[in-house]
């Protein structure tokens, strides 16, 4: 028979009519359901979209919150997707440049969500036409495109690129992806 006092962290056990008191490790308190990745998602607009046969480069304007103020979340500076036209079973190279506050980058497309891991912190050259000498965090990944159903081919879709921040605030931009 085991007797437990809810305010005491000892346990009394009776073994062959002898009582033994021992320390009991407290049971862990159940945590609430896991929080969402972000509590606020601020939207960014596209500044320029450069399509070349080899790649697609999208320059993004800093995100704004719902009231039109600059976002406190990380800023997506540039999104580069190679090749520019996505086909099934090819390797798609995703490169996202963000401000230094970014913790993670995700790309959502139709039913897929792709996590893009961080590479490191760098600085753009002074000759950069969009953000000269701007410090940035680089996120980069190669992704093998799965089989694409025939109905989805031959169209341009909006993929959502999301940079998550440390304060639970994220910024996102809708970038075009061409599927063949």
Protein backbone atom coordinates (compact mmCIF):
# COMPACT_ATOMS: atom_id res chain seq x y z
CA UNK A 1 0.00 0.00 0.00
CA UNK A 2 1.34 3.40 -0.97
CA UNK A 3 0.25 6.56 0.81
CA UNK A 4 0.89 9.91 -0.88
CA UNK A 5 0.61 13.40 0.49
CA UNK A 6 0.05 15.85 -2.39
CA UNK A 7 2.15 18.52 -0.61
CA UNK A 8 5.00 16.20 0.36
CA UNK A 9 7.56 14.80 -2.04
CA UNK A 10 8.12 11.59 -0.06
CA UNK A 11 6.41 8.28 -0.47
CA UNK A 12 5.58 5.90 2.37
CA UNK A 13 5.72 2.24 1.46
CA UNK A 14 4.82 -0.64 3.78
CA UNK A 15 6.89 -3.75 3.16
CA UNK A 16 6.38 -6.75 5.50
CA UNK A 17 4.80 -4.48 8.17
CA UNK A 18 7.72 -2.04 8.11
CA UNK A 19 7.23 1.53 6.89
CA UNK A 20 9.86 2.96 4.58
CA UNK A 21 9.93 6.63 3.60
CA UNK A 22 11.83 7.55 0.43
CA UNK A 23 12.23 10.56 -1.87
CA UNK A 24 9.93 10.55 -4.88
CA UNK A 25 10.81 12.31 -8.10
CA UNK A 26 7.92 14.65 -8.87
CA UNK A 27 5.86 13.75 -11.88
CA UNK A 28 6.24 16.22 -14.73
CA UNK A 29 3.50 18.79 -15.10
CA UNK A 30 1.75 18.28 -18.43
CA UNK A 31 2.48 21.10 -20.82
CA UNK A 32 -0.30 22.82 -22.73
CA UNK A 33 -0.59 21.99 -26.40
CA UNK A 34 2.43 23.15 -28.37
CA UNK A 35 2.27 26.80 -29.37
CA UNK A 36 1.96 27.79 -32.98
CA UNK A 37 5.18 28.78 -34.73
CA UNK A 38 4.20 32.42 -34.67
CA UNK A 39 1.53 34.55 -33.10
CA UNK A 40 1.52 37.20 -35.84
CA UNK A 41 2.24 36.96 -39.57
CA UNK A 42 3.04 40.27 -41.29
CA UNK A 43 2.90 40.46 -45.08
CA UNK A 44 5.59 41.74 -47.43
CA UNK A 45 5.21 43.03 -50.97
CA UNK A 46 7.41 42.14 -53.90
CA UNK A 47 9.69 44.89 -55.18
CA UNK A 48 11.00 43.19 -58.32
CA UNK A 49 10.81 39.77 -59.89
CA UNK A 50 13.64 38.83 -62.24
CA UNK A 51 13.09 35.76 -64.41
CA UNK A 52 16.01 34.30 -66.31
CA UNK A 53 16.09 30.92 -68.02
CA UNK A 54 18.21 29.58 -65.17
CA UNK A 55 16.71 31.17 -62.07
CA UNK A 56 14.03 33.31 -60.54
CA UNK A 57 15.09 36.14 -58.21
CA UNK A 58 12.50 37.99 -56.14
CA UNK A 59 13.39 41.12 -54.18
CA UNK A 60 11.03 41.76 -51.27
CA UNK A 61 10.03 45.03 -49.56
CA UNK A 62 10.07 45.02 -45.73
CA UNK A 63 6.94 43.63 -44.12
CA UNK A 64 4.23 45.76 -42.56
CA UNK A 65 1.91 44.79 -39.71
CA UNK A 66 -1.89 45.09 -39.90
CA UNK A 67 -1.78 48.80 -39.05
CA UNK A 68 0.74 49.65 -41.78
CA UNK A 69 3.68 50.09 -39.39
CA UNK A 70 6.99 48.36 -40.11
CA UNK A 71 6.97 44.81 -38.81
CA UNK A 72 8.93 43.86 -35.70
CA UNK A 73 9.51 40.46 -37.26
CA UNK A 74 12.37 39.47 -39.53
CA UNK A 75 12.46 40.90 -43.04
CA UNK A 76 12.78 38.75 -46.14
CA UNK A 77 15.22 40.57 -48.42
CA UNK A 78 15.48 38.24 -51.39
CA UNK A 79 14.23 34.84 -52.55
CA UNK A 80 16.09 32.93 -55.27
CA UNK A 81 14.72 29.74 -56.82
CA UNK A 82 16.75 27.67 -59.30
CA UNK A 83 15.61 26.48 -61.83
CA UNK A 84 13.05 29.12 -62.66
CA UNK A 85 10.60 26.53 -63.97
CA UNK A 86 9.92 23.65 -61.58
CA UNK A 87 9.46 20.16 -62.99
CA UNK A 88 8.83 16.91 -61.17
CA UNK A 89 11.80 14.89 -59.92
CA UNK A 90 14.23 17.78 -60.43
CA UNK A 91 16.33 19.41 -57.74
CA UNK A 92 15.07 22.86 -56.81
CA UNK A 93 17.61 25.12 -55.08
CA UNK A 94 15.99 27.54 -52.62
CA UNK A 95 17.99 30.50 -51.30
CA UNK A 96 16.43 33.06 -48.94
CA UNK A 97 18.17 36.16 -47.57
CA UNK A 98 16.63 37.61 -44.41
CA UNK A 99 17.45 40.18 -41.77
CA UNK A 100 19.44 38.92 -38.79
CA UNK A 101 16.38 38.40 -36.55
CA UNK A 102 15.19 35.31 -38.43
CA UNK A 103 15.14 31.95 -36.64
CA UNK A 104 13.76 29.85 -39.47
CA UNK A 105 12.43 29.97 -43.02
CA UNK A 106 9.62 27.87 -44.46
CA UNK A 107 8.30 27.63 -48.00
CA UNK A 108 4.67 26.55 -48.37
CA UNK A 109 3.46 25.42 -51.76
CA UNK A 110 0.12 23.70 -52.36
CA UNK A 111 0.33 20.88 -49.78
CA UNK A 112 4.09 20.92 -49.10
CA UNK A 113 5.91 22.82 -46.38
CA UNK A 114 9.66 22.89 -46.83
CA UNK A 115 11.97 23.94 -44.00
CA UNK A 116 15.02 25.87 -45.22
CA UNK A 117 17.98 25.60 -42.79
CA UNK A 118 20.31 28.51 -41.93
CA UNK A 119 23.79 28.70 -43.46
CA UNK A 120 25.28 31.77 -41.81
CA UNK A 121 25.43 35.55 -41.54
CA UNK A 122 26.94 37.63 -44.35
CA UNK A 123 26.97 41.16 -45.82
CA UNK A 124 25.85 42.14 -49.33
CA UNK A 125 28.43 43.97 -51.48
CA UNK A 126 28.24 47.73 -51.97
CA UNK A 127 27.44 47.10 -55.66
CA UNK A 128 24.16 45.30 -54.81
CA UNK A 129 21.34 47.21 -56.56
CA UNK A 130 18.69 46.51 -53.90
CA UNK A 131 20.35 46.37 -50.47
CA UNK A 132 23.96 47.66 -50.67
CA UNK A 133 26.18 46.66 -47.72
CA UNK A 134 23.21 45.20 -45.84
CA UNK A 135 23.88 42.43 -43.32
CA UNK A 136 21.76 39.35 -43.89
CA UNK A 137 21.15 35.80 -42.71
CA UNK A 138 21.33 33.15 -45.44
CA UNK A 139 18.96 30.17 -45.53
CA UNK A 140 19.58 27.64 -48.29
CA UNK A 141 18.39 24.18 -49.32
CA UNK A 142 18.18 21.78 -52.23
CA UNK A 143 14.78 20.08 -52.55
CA UNK A 144 13.84 17.24 -54.88
CA UNK A 145 10.42 18.01 -56.32
CA UNK A 146 8.06 15.03 -55.93
CA UNK A 147 5.77 13.79 -58.69
CA UNK A 148 3.40 16.57 -59.76
CA UNK A 149 -0.12 15.53 -60.78
CA UNK A 150 -0.97 16.39 -64.38
CA UNK A 151 -3.70 18.86 -63.33
CA UNK A 152 -1.13 21.09 -61.55
CA UNK A 153 1.32 21.34 -64.45
CA UNK A 154 1.63 24.27 -66.84
CA UNK A 155 0.63 26.95 -64.33
CA UNK A 156 2.14 29.62 -62.13
CA UNK A 157 1.34 29.37 -58.42
CA UNK A 158 1.95 31.56 -55.38
CA UNK A 159 4.29 29.95 -52.87
CA UNK A 160 4.40 31.45 -49.40
CA UNK A 161 7.89 32.15 -48.03
CA UNK A 162 7.77 32.71 -44.25
CA UNK A 163 10.60 33.91 -42.00
CA UNK A 164 9.92 33.23 -38.33
CA UNK A 165 11.27 35.52 -35.61
CA UNK A 166 12.29 35.23 -31.98
CA UNK A 167 9.33 37.17 -30.60
CA UNK A 168 6.70 34.95 -32.20
CA UNK A 169 6.28 37.37 -35.09
CA UNK A 170 6.84 36.20 -38.65
CA UNK A 171 6.86 37.88 -42.02
CA UNK A 172 5.76 36.29 -45.23
CA UNK A 173 5.77 36.99 -48.93
CA UNK A 174 3.90 35.30 -51.75
CA UNK A 175 6.32 34.50 -54.57
CA UNK A 176 5.46 33.03 -57.97
CA UNK A 177 6.52 29.49 -58.84
CA UNK A 178 6.13 28.22 -62.38
CA UNK A 179 5.32 24.50 -62.66
CA UNK A 180 5.75 22.54 -65.91
